[in-house]
């Protein structure tokens, strides 16, 4: 049996993607508040994985997904996280906001 200091919440298997996304965003905000800026993406990914699982979400990381074009495999996609087999999460960490991103914040 796995014991955690964080209570795990149950997530209904038929939860819509918007509700799952809201929980993921809540988890990402918690991670950012705890760790702050300036770390590697892999660190944030690990922390987000812990936080999402504490929220009762099912997380698969670094899956290899074939990319098909007209029925033929043309490559491979490796999303950072797949949550509840429905929502793809790509983690991005920047040392500073580029001029392109500043108006969006």
C-alpha atoms as a PDB file:
ATOM      1  CA  UNK A   1       0.000   0.000   0.000  1.00  0.00           C
ATOM      2  CA  UNK A   2       1.277   3.463  -0.882  1.00  0.00           C
ATOM      3  CA  UNK A   3       0.954   6.112   1.800  1.00  0.00           C
ATOM      4  CA  UNK A   4       0.987   9.787   0.984  1.00  0.00           C
ATOM      5  CA  UNK A   5       0.893  12.865   3.139  1.00  0.00           C
ATOM      6  CA  UNK A   6      -1.423  14.343   0.518  1.00  0.00           C
ATOM      7  CA  UNK A   7      -5.038  13.156   0.456  1.00  0.00           C
ATOM      8  CA  UNK A   8      -5.969  11.709  -2.919  1.00  0.00           C
ATOM      9  CA  UNK A   9      -9.290  12.806  -4.395  1.00  0.00           C
ATOM     10  CA  UNK A  10     -11.391  10.542  -6.561  1.00  0.00           C
ATOM     11  CA  UNK A  11     -12.012  11.675 -10.127  1.00  0.00           C
ATOM     12  CA  UNK A  12     -15.024  10.290 -11.995  1.00  0.00           C
ATOM     13  CA  UNK A  13     -13.975   8.364 -15.097  1.00  0.00           C
ATOM     14  CA  UNK A  14     -16.518  10.281 -17.206  1.00  0.00           C
ATOM     15  CA  UNK A  15     -15.246  13.704 -16.132  1.00  0.00           C
ATOM     16  CA  UNK A  16     -15.335  16.130 -19.091  1.00  0.00           C
ATOM     17  CA  UNK A  17     -12.064  17.511 -20.400  1.00  0.00           C
ATOM     18  CA  UNK A  18     -12.874  21.046 -19.216  1.00  0.00           C
ATOM     19  CA  UNK A  19     -13.197  19.843 -15.622  1.00  0.00           C
ATOM     20  CA  UNK A  20      -9.965  17.855 -15.932  1.00  0.00           C
ATOM     21  CA  UNK A  21      -8.216  20.903 -17.406  1.00  0.00           C
ATOM     22  CA  UNK A  22      -9.422  23.068 -14.523  1.00  0.00           C
ATOM     23  CA  UNK A  23      -7.866  20.614 -12.053  1.00  0.00           C
ATOM     24  CA  UNK A  24      -4.615  20.514 -14.023  1.00  0.00           C
ATOM     25  CA  UNK A  25      -4.416  24.327 -14.007  1.00  0.00           C
ATOM     26  CA  UNK A  26      -5.096  24.355 -10.262  1.00  0.00           C
ATOM     27  CA  UNK A  27      -2.241  21.863  -9.821  1.00  0.00           C
ATOM     28  CA  UNK A  28       0.107  23.874 -12.043  1.00  0.00           C
ATOM     29  CA  UNK A  29      -0.581  27.030 -10.036  1.00  0.00           C
ATOM     30  CA  UNK A  30       0.142  25.134  -6.812  1.00  0.00           C
ATOM     31  CA  UNK A  31       3.445  23.880  -8.255  1.00  0.00           C
ATOM     32  CA  UNK A  32       4.447  27.363  -9.390  1.00  0.00           C
ATOM     33  CA  UNK A  33       3.584  28.876  -6.014  1.00  0.00           C
ATOM     34  CA  UNK A  34       5.634  26.221  -4.229  1.00  0.00           C
ATOM     35  CA  UNK A  35       8.678  26.090  -6.529  1.00  0.00           C
ATOM     36  CA  UNK A  36       8.667  29.518  -8.153  1.00  0.00           C
ATOM     37  CA  UNK A  37      10.286  30.279 -11.517  1.00  0.00           C
ATOM     38  CA  UNK A  38      13.660  29.341 -12.939  1.00  0.00           C
ATOM     39  CA  UNK A  39      13.806  25.539 -12.756  1.00  0.00           C
ATOM     40  CA  UNK A  40      14.082  22.952 -15.500  1.00  0.00           C
ATOM     41  CA  UNK A  41      10.976  21.612 -17.220  1.00  0.00           C
ATOM     42  CA  UNK A  42      11.723  18.130 -15.861  1.00  0.00           C
ATOM     43  CA  UNK A  43      11.474  19.437 -12.278  1.00  0.00           C
ATOM     44  CA  UNK A  44       8.107  21.068 -12.940  1.00  0.00           C
ATOM     45  CA  UNK A  45       6.910  17.908 -14.695  1.00  0.00           C
ATOM     46  CA  UNK A  46       7.782  15.761 -11.686  1.00  0.00           C
ATOM     47  CA  UNK A  47       6.070  18.183  -9.287  1.00  0.00           C
ATOM     48  CA  UNK A  48       2.982  18.473 -11.504  1.00  0.00           C
ATOM     49  CA  UNK A  49       2.775  14.692 -11.667  1.00  0.00           C
ATOM     50  CA  UNK A  50       2.730  14.513  -7.851  1.00  0.00           C
ATOM     51  CA  UNK A  51       0.167  17.311  -7.588  1.00  0.00           C
ATOM     52  CA  UNK A  52      -2.156  15.855 -10.245  1.00  0.00           C
ATOM     53  CA  UNK A  53      -2.091  12.416  -8.650  1.00  0.00           C
ATOM     54  CA  UNK A  54      -2.927  13.996  -5.280  1.00  0.00           C
ATOM     55  CA  UNK A  55      -5.977  15.494  -7.041  1.00  0.00           C
ATOM     56  CA  UNK A  56      -7.006  12.003  -8.115  1.00  0.00           C
ATOM     57  CA  UNK A  57      -6.055  12.445 -11.752  1.00  0.00           C
ATOM     58  CA  UNK A  58      -4.518   9.582 -13.709  1.00  0.00           C
ATOM     59  CA  UNK A  59      -1.218  10.667 -15.247  1.00  0.00           C
ATOM     60  CA  UNK A  60       0.862   8.941 -17.915  1.00  0.00           C
ATOM     61  CA  UNK A  61       4.196  10.546 -18.758  1.00  0.00           C
ATOM     62  CA  UNK A  62       6.408  10.541 -21.834  1.00  0.00           C
ATOM     63  CA  UNK A  63       4.246   8.101 -23.779  1.00  0.00           C
ATOM     64  CA  UNK A  64       5.271   7.293 -27.312  1.00  0.00           C
ATOM     65  CA  UNK A  65       2.354   8.032 -29.611  1.00  0.00           C
ATOM     66  CA  UNK A  66       2.649   7.223 -33.316  1.00  0.00           C
ATOM     67  CA  UNK A  67       1.860  10.046 -35.720  1.00  0.00           C
ATOM     68  CA  UNK A  68      -0.159   8.855 -38.679  1.00  0.00           C
ATOM     69  CA  UNK A  69      -0.593  10.479 -42.046  1.00  0.00           C
ATOM     70  CA  UNK A  70      -3.017   8.840 -44.442  1.00  0.00           C
ATOM     71  CA  UNK A  71      -2.776   5.627 -42.509  1.00  0.00           C
ATOM     72  CA  UNK A  72       1.020   5.533 -42.445  1.00  0.00           C
ATOM     73  CA  UNK A  73       3.224   6.107 -39.433  1.00  0.00           C
ATOM     74  CA  UNK A  74       5.415   9.116 -40.201  1.00  0.00           C
ATOM     75  CA  UNK A  75       6.874   9.788 -36.794  1.00  0.00           C
ATOM     76  CA  UNK A  76       6.417   9.691 -33.100  1.00  0.00           C
ATOM     77  CA  UNK A  77       4.992  12.195 -30.629  1.00  0.00           C
ATOM     78  CA  UNK A  78       5.997  12.139 -26.985  1.00  0.00           C
ATOM     79  CA  UNK A  79       3.728  14.405 -24.897  1.00  0.00           C
ATOM     80  CA  UNK A  80       5.023  15.343 -21.449  1.00  0.00           C
ATOM     81  CA  UNK A  81       1.828  14.131 -19.801  1.00  0.00           C
ATOM     82  CA  UNK A  82      -1.480  12.560 -20.731  1.00  0.00           C
ATOM     83  CA  UNK A  83      -4.070  13.105 -18.012  1.00  0.00           C
ATOM     84  CA  UNK A  84      -7.087  10.801 -17.654  1.00  0.00           C
ATOM     85  CA  UNK A  85      -6.426   9.523 -21.198  1.00  0.00           C
ATOM     86  CA  UNK A  86      -7.973  12.757 -22.449  1.00  0.00           C
ATOM     87  CA  UNK A  87      -5.874  15.895 -21.872  1.00  0.00           C
ATOM     88  CA  UNK A  88      -2.320  16.374 -23.190  1.00  0.00           C
ATOM     89  CA  UNK A  89      -0.054  18.582 -21.075  1.00  0.00           C
ATOM     90  CA  UNK A  90       3.156  20.069 -22.463  1.00  0.00           C
ATOM     91  CA  UNK A  91       5.358  21.700 -19.827  1.00  0.00           C
ATOM     92  CA  UNK A  92       7.274  24.829 -20.756  1.00  0.00           C
ATOM     93  CA  UNK A  93       9.756  26.707 -18.606  1.00  0.00           C
ATOM     94  CA  UNK A  94      11.297  30.005 -19.677  1.00  0.00           C
ATOM     95  CA  UNK A  95      14.083  32.012 -18.095  1.00  0.00           C
ATOM     96  CA  UNK A  96      12.345  35.232 -19.179  1.00  0.00           C
ATOM     97  CA  UNK A  97       9.301  36.232 -21.181  1.00  0.00           C
ATOM     98  CA  UNK A  98      10.040  37.094 -24.774  1.00  0.00           C
ATOM     99  CA  UNK A  99       8.612  40.318 -26.230  1.00  0.00           C
ATOM    100  CA  UNK A 100       6.134  38.112 -28.104  1.00  0.00           C
ATOM    101  CA  UNK A 101       4.757  36.619 -24.868  1.00  0.00           C
ATOM    102  CA  UNK A 102       4.689  39.723 -22.636  1.00  0.00           C
ATOM    103  CA  UNK A 103       1.427  41.146 -24.066  1.00  0.00           C
ATOM    104  CA  UNK A 104      -0.277  37.793 -23.409  1.00  0.00           C
ATOM    105  CA  UNK A 105       0.441  37.890 -19.673  1.00  0.00           C
END
